[in-house]
């Protein structure tokens, strides 16, 4: 029994020390990974999508509101200002330090090097090239999968709601 405890304690100590000794990634290693993973261009591609969603939300908010030209112009100014704030906040120059910090906290040096090597490989480049289509196809598949569920939930909610008073 004492031998088993000693072996177990040694194994746990070795496991803990291996994790504790893992070297954090250097700035250069993280930069390499961010470049290989196309982080800056991916972030830049997200901005127009966010603006389109914002435009849609503004349109939904003002639909059927009977707004005058002055009110509509004020909403357009607000939308433009909001877009400007989002673009400044999510600009690469602002986000790069955040990426660096998060990658440093999340990955070891060995992780970053291996992931960068993968992204630099033909398979990694193919994955990066196809990720937008993958995400679009996945979102469509999820929407198709959840539409019947949403319809069922709406039907159940209607069944629970009392009929309108006449």
C-alpha atoms as a PDB file:
ATOM      1  CA  UNK A   1       0.000   0.000   0.000  1.00  0.00           C
ATOM      2  CA  UNK A   2       2.760   2.557   0.803  1.00  0.00           C
ATOM      3  CA  UNK A   3       4.418   1.758  -2.530  1.00  0.00           C
ATOM      4  CA  UNK A   4       1.131   2.397  -4.364  1.00  0.00           C
ATOM      5  CA  UNK A   5       0.712   5.750  -2.582  1.00  0.00           C
ATOM      6  CA  UNK A   6       4.255   6.745  -3.453  1.00  0.00           C
ATOM      7  CA  UNK A   7       3.744   5.833  -7.125  1.00  0.00           C
ATOM      8  CA  UNK A   8       0.452   7.717  -7.242  1.00  0.00           C
ATOM      9  CA  UNK A   9       1.971  10.770  -5.555  1.00  0.00           C
ATOM     10  CA  UNK A  10       4.932  10.669  -7.954  1.00  0.00           C
ATOM     11  CA  UNK A  11       2.654  10.424 -10.968  1.00  0.00           C
ATOM     12  CA  UNK A  12       0.527  13.350  -9.787  1.00  0.00           C
ATOM     13  CA  UNK A  13       3.616  15.424  -9.057  1.00  0.00           C
ATOM     14  CA  UNK A  14       5.055  14.685 -12.494  1.00  0.00           C
ATOM     15  CA  UNK A  15       1.774  15.619 -14.155  1.00  0.00           C
ATOM     16  CA  UNK A  16       1.476  18.855 -12.184  1.00  0.00           C
ATOM     17  CA  UNK A  17       5.075  19.871 -12.766  1.00  0.00           C
ATOM     18  CA  UNK A  18       4.791  19.226 -16.509  1.00  0.00           C
ATOM     19  CA  UNK A  19       1.856  21.611 -16.723  1.00  0.00           C
ATOM     20  CA  UNK A  20       3.520  24.205 -14.538  1.00  0.00           C
ATOM     21  CA  UNK A  21       6.732  24.081 -16.592  1.00  0.00           C
ATOM     22  CA  UNK A  22       5.008  24.525 -19.949  1.00  0.00           C
ATOM     23  CA  UNK A  23       6.490  27.624 -21.516  1.00  0.00           C
ATOM     24  CA  UNK A  24       4.134  30.441 -22.399  1.00  0.00           C
ATOM     25  CA  UNK A  25       4.185  31.434 -26.050  1.00  0.00           C
ATOM     26  CA  UNK A  26       6.357  34.346 -27.124  1.00  0.00           C
ATOM     27  CA  UNK A  27       4.924  37.378 -28.890  1.00  0.00           C
ATOM     28  CA  UNK A  28       6.629  36.240 -32.089  1.00  0.00           C
ATOM     29  CA  UNK A  29       5.010  32.792 -31.864  1.00  0.00           C
ATOM     30  CA  UNK A  30       1.583  34.305 -31.292  1.00  0.00           C
ATOM     31  CA  UNK A  31       2.122  36.754 -34.179  1.00  0.00           C
ATOM     32  CA  UNK A  32       3.023  33.819 -36.407  1.00  0.00           C
ATOM     33  CA  UNK A  33      -0.166  32.019 -35.419  1.00  0.00           C
ATOM     34  CA  UNK A  34      -2.358  35.096 -35.866  1.00  0.00           C
ATOM     35  CA  UNK A  35      -0.870  35.602 -39.331  1.00  0.00           C
ATOM     36  CA  UNK A  36      -1.209  31.942 -40.297  1.00  0.00           C
ATOM     37  CA  UNK A  37      -4.805  31.839 -38.997  1.00  0.00           C
ATOM     38  CA  UNK A  38      -5.661  35.062 -40.850  1.00  0.00           C
ATOM     39  CA  UNK A  39      -6.983  36.604 -37.645  1.00  0.00           C
ATOM     40  CA  UNK A  40      -6.860  40.193 -38.895  1.00  0.00           C
ATOM     41  CA  UNK A  41      -8.671  39.510 -42.169  1.00  0.00           C
ATOM     42  CA  UNK A  42     -11.204  37.289 -40.396  1.00  0.00           C
ATOM     43  CA  UNK A  43     -11.985  40.093 -37.975  1.00  0.00           C
ATOM     44  CA  UNK A  44     -12.249  42.556 -40.876  1.00  0.00           C
ATOM     45  CA  UNK A  45     -14.697  40.216 -42.638  1.00  0.00           C
ATOM     46  CA  UNK A  46     -16.916  40.077 -39.565  1.00  0.00           C
ATOM     47  CA  UNK A  47     -17.400  43.863 -39.435  1.00  0.00           C
ATOM     48  CA  UNK A  48     -19.614  44.150 -42.550  1.00  0.00           C
ATOM     49  CA  UNK A  49     -21.702  41.240 -41.286  1.00  0.00           C
ATOM     50  CA  UNK A  50     -22.161  43.002 -37.953  1.00  0.00           C
ATOM     51  CA  UNK A  51     -23.112  46.222 -39.742  1.00  0.00           C
ATOM     52  CA  UNK A  52     -25.670  44.369 -41.862  1.00  0.00           C
ATOM     53  CA  UNK A  53     -27.184  42.860 -38.717  1.00  0.00           C
ATOM     54  CA  UNK A  54     -27.210  46.307 -37.113  1.00  0.00           C
ATOM     55  CA  UNK A  55     -28.944  47.749 -40.192  1.00  0.00           C
ATOM     56  CA  UNK A  56     -31.538  44.995 -40.018  1.00  0.00           C
ATOM     57  CA  UNK A  57     -32.149  45.660 -36.317  1.00  0.00           C
ATOM     58  CA  UNK A  58     -32.579  49.390 -36.928  1.00  0.00           C
ATOM     59  CA  UNK A  59     -35.027  48.682 -39.753  1.00  0.00           C
ATOM     60  CA  UNK A  60     -37.039  46.329 -37.526  1.00  0.00           C
ATOM     61  CA  UNK A  61     -37.152  48.916 -34.757  1.00  0.00           C
ATOM     62  CA  UNK A  62     -38.456  51.673 -36.986  1.00  0.00           C
ATOM     63  CA  UNK A  63     -40.726  49.597 -39.212  1.00  0.00           C
ATOM     64  CA  UNK A  64     -44.317  50.798 -39.129  1.00  0.00           C
ATOM     65  CA  UNK A  65     -43.448  53.668 -36.790  1.00  0.00           C
ATOM     66  CA  UNK A  66     -44.653  56.387 -39.149  1.00  0.00           C
ATOM     67  CA  UNK A  67     -41.470  58.389 -38.734  1.00  0.00           C
ATOM     68  CA  UNK A  68     -41.016  61.727 -40.376  1.00  0.00           C
ATOM     69  CA  UNK A  69     -38.028  62.720 -42.481  1.00  0.00           C
ATOM     70  CA  UNK A  70     -36.325  64.427 -39.519  1.00  0.00           C
ATOM     71  CA  UNK A  71     -36.755  61.400 -37.271  1.00  0.00           C
ATOM     72  CA  UNK A  72     -35.532  59.104 -40.024  1.00  0.00           C
ATOM     73  CA  UNK A  73     -32.450  61.311 -40.535  1.00  0.00           C
ATOM     74  CA  UNK A  74     -31.738  61.227 -36.787  1.00  0.00           C
ATOM     75  CA  UNK A  75     -31.961  57.429 -36.773  1.00  0.00           C
ATOM     76  CA  UNK A  76     -29.623  57.287 -39.775  1.00  0.00           C
ATOM     77  CA  UNK A  77     -27.110  59.484 -37.900  1.00  0.00           C
ATOM     78  CA  UNK A  78     -27.407  57.213 -34.838  1.00  0.00           C
ATOM     79  CA  UNK A  79     -26.855  54.137 -36.983  1.00  0.00           C
ATOM     80  CA  UNK A  80     -23.790  55.702 -38.623  1.00  0.00           C
ATOM     81  CA  UNK A  81     -22.388  56.707 -35.225  1.00  0.00           C
ATOM     82  CA  UNK A  82     -22.997  53.208 -33.855  1.00  0.00           C
ATOM     83  CA  UNK A  83     -21.245  51.719 -36.874  1.00  0.00           C
ATOM     84  CA  UNK A  84     -18.295  54.063 -36.369  1.00  0.00           C
ATOM     85  CA  UNK A  85     -18.009  53.084 -32.697  1.00  0.00           C
ATOM     86  CA  UNK A  86     -18.134  49.376 -33.555  1.00  0.00           C
ATOM     87  CA  UNK A  87     -15.476  49.778 -36.269  1.00  0.00           C
ATOM     88  CA  UNK A  88     -13.155  51.692 -33.938  1.00  0.00           C
ATOM     89  CA  UNK A  89     -13.683  49.255 -31.071  1.00  0.00           C
ATOM     90  CA  UNK A  90     -13.106  46.181 -33.227  1.00  0.00           C
ATOM     91  CA  UNK A  91     -10.264  47.613 -35.319  1.00  0.00           C
ATOM     92  CA  UNK A  92      -7.265  45.280 -35.501  1.00  0.00           C
ATOM     93  CA  UNK A  93      -5.075  47.848 -33.748  1.00  0.00           C
ATOM     94  CA  UNK A  94      -7.456  47.703 -30.775  1.00  0.00           C
ATOM     95  CA  UNK A  95      -8.084  43.963 -30.857  1.00  0.00           C
ATOM     96  CA  UNK A  96      -4.512  42.735 -31.458  1.00  0.00           C
ATOM     97  CA  UNK A  97      -3.434  43.210 -27.800  1.00  0.00           C
ATOM     98  CA  UNK A  98      -6.567  41.360 -26.692  1.00  0.00           C
ATOM     99  CA  UNK A  99      -5.791  38.463 -29.051  1.00  0.00           C
ATOM    100  CA  UNK A 100      -2.184  38.379 -27.828  1.00  0.00           C
ATOM    101  CA  UNK A 101      -3.285  38.256 -24.187  1.00  0.00           C
ATOM    102  CA  UNK A 102      -5.979  35.621 -24.692  1.00  0.00           C
ATOM    103  CA  UNK A 103      -3.723  33.374 -26.776  1.00  0.00           C
ATOM    104  CA  UNK A 104      -0.946  33.740 -24.185  1.00  0.00           C
ATOM    105  CA  UNK A 105      -3.345  32.763 -21.370  1.00  0.00           C
ATOM    106  CA  UNK A 106      -4.847  29.875 -23.323  1.00  0.00           C
ATOM    107  CA  UNK A 107      -1.984  28.155 -25.122  1.00  0.00           C
ATOM    108  CA  UNK A 108       1.525  27.009 -24.374  1.00  0.00           C
ATOM    109  CA  UNK A 109       4.422  27.779 -26.685  1.00  0.00           C
ATOM    110  CA  UNK A 110       4.276  24.239 -28.073  1.00  0.00           C
ATOM    111  CA  UNK A 111       0.527  24.617 -28.751  1.00  0.00           C
ATOM    112  CA  UNK A 112       0.989  27.886 -30.623  1.00  0.00           C
ATOM    113  CA  UNK A 113       3.830  26.540 -32.758  1.00  0.00           C
ATOM    114  CA  UNK A 114       1.891  23.368 -33.644  1.00  0.00           C
ATOM    115  CA  UNK A 115      -1.313  25.256 -34.456  1.00  0.00           C
ATOM    116  CA  UNK A 116       0.609  27.776 -36.584  1.00  0.00           C
ATOM    117  CA  UNK A 117       2.308  24.924 -38.448  1.00  0.00           C
ATOM    118  CA  UNK A 118      -1.082  23.367 -39.138  1.00  0.00           C
ATOM    119  CA  UNK A 119      -2.542  26.654 -40.408  1.00  0.00           C
ATOM    120  CA  UNK A 120       0.503  27.122 -42.649  1.00  0.00           C
ATOM    121  CA  UNK A 121       0.073  23.632 -44.129  1.00  0.00           C
ATOM    122  CA  UNK A 122      -2.032  22.966 -47.261  1.00  0.00           C
ATOM    123  CA  UNK A 123      -4.680  21.299 -45.097  1.00  0.00           C
ATOM    124  CA  UNK A 124      -4.772  24.272 -42.725  1.00  0.00           C
ATOM    125  CA  UNK A 125      -5.011  26.724 -45.621  1.00  0.00           C
ATOM    126  CA  UNK A 126      -7.840  24.667 -47.130  1.00  0.00           C
ATOM    127  CA  UNK A 127      -9.639  24.713 -43.795  1.00  0.00           C
ATOM    128  CA  UNK A 128      -9.282  28.496 -43.548  1.00  0.00           C
ATOM    129  CA  UNK A 129     -10.469  28.902 -47.156  1.00  0.00           C
ATOM    130  CA  UNK A 130     -13.524  26.727 -46.566  1.00  0.00           C
ATOM    131  CA  UNK A 131     -14.484  27.937 -43.075  1.00  0.00           C
ATOM    132  CA  UNK A 132     -16.855  30.680 -44.314  1.00  0.00           C
ATOM    133  CA  UNK A 133     -18.787  28.163 -46.427  1.00  0.00           C
ATOM    134  CA  UNK A 134     -18.705  25.671 -43.568  1.00  0.00           C
ATOM    135  CA  UNK A 135     -20.177  28.235 -41.165  1.00  0.00           C
ATOM    136  CA  UNK A 136     -22.841  29.269 -43.673  1.00  0.00           C
ATOM    137  CA  UNK A 137     -23.808  25.647 -44.326  1.00  0.00           C
ATOM    138  CA  UNK A 138     -23.808  24.880 -40.621  1.00  0.00           C
ATOM    139  CA  UNK A 139     -26.036  27.859 -39.812  1.00  0.00           C
ATOM    140  CA  UNK A 140     -28.460  26.823 -42.573  1.00  0.00           C
ATOM    141  CA  UNK A 141     -28.521  23.228 -41.292  1.00  0.00           C
ATOM    142  CA  UNK A 142     -29.119  24.421 -37.719  1.00  0.00           C
ATOM    143  CA  UNK A 143     -31.910  26.711 -38.893  1.00  0.00           C
ATOM    144  CA  UNK A 144     -33.542  23.849 -40.810  1.00  0.00           C
ATOM    145  CA  UNK A 145     -33.187  21.604 -37.769  1.00  0.00           C
ATOM    146  CA  UNK A 146     -34.615  24.133 -35.296  1.00  0.00           C
ATOM    147  CA  UNK A 147     -37.479  25.548 -37.399  1.00  0.00           C
ATOM    148  CA  UNK A 148     -39.835  22.615 -36.683  1.00  0.00           C
ATOM    149  CA  UNK A 149     -38.943  22.844 -32.975  1.00  0.00           C
ATOM    150  CA  UNK A 150     -39.729  26.572 -32.910  1.00  0.00           C
ATOM    151  CA  UNK A 151     -43.014  25.974 -34.725  1.00  0.00           C
ATOM    152  CA  UNK A 152     -43.906  23.278 -32.210  1.00  0.00           C
ATOM    153  CA  UNK A 153     -43.073  25.555 -29.284  1.00  0.00           C
ATOM    154  CA  UNK A 154     -45.146  28.363 -30.784  1.00  0.00           C
ATOM    155  CA  UNK A 155     -48.093  25.993 -31.192  1.00  0.00           C
ATOM    156  CA  UNK A 156     -47.747  24.892 -27.575  1.00  0.00           C
ATOM    157  CA  UNK A 157     -47.617  28.524 -26.428  1.00  0.00           C
ATOM    158  CA  UNK A 158     -50.759  29.323 -28.431  1.00  0.00           C
ATOM    159  CA  UNK A 159     -52.493  26.354 -26.808  1.00  0.00           C
ATOM    160  CA  UNK A 160     -51.574  27.679 -23.369  1.00  0.00           C
ATOM    161  CA  UNK A 161     -52.702  31.231 -24.074  1.00  0.00           C
ATOM    162  CA  UNK A 162     -56.281  32.048 -23.175  1.00  0.00           C
ATOM    163  CA  UNK A 163     -58.525  32.880 -26.133  1.00  0.00           C
ATOM    164  CA  UNK A 164     -59.030  36.606 -26.730  1.00  0.00           C
ATOM    165  CA  UNK A 165     -61.994  38.124 -24.913  1.00  0.00           C
ATOM    166  CA  UNK A 166     -64.891  39.038 -27.147  1.00  0.00           C
END
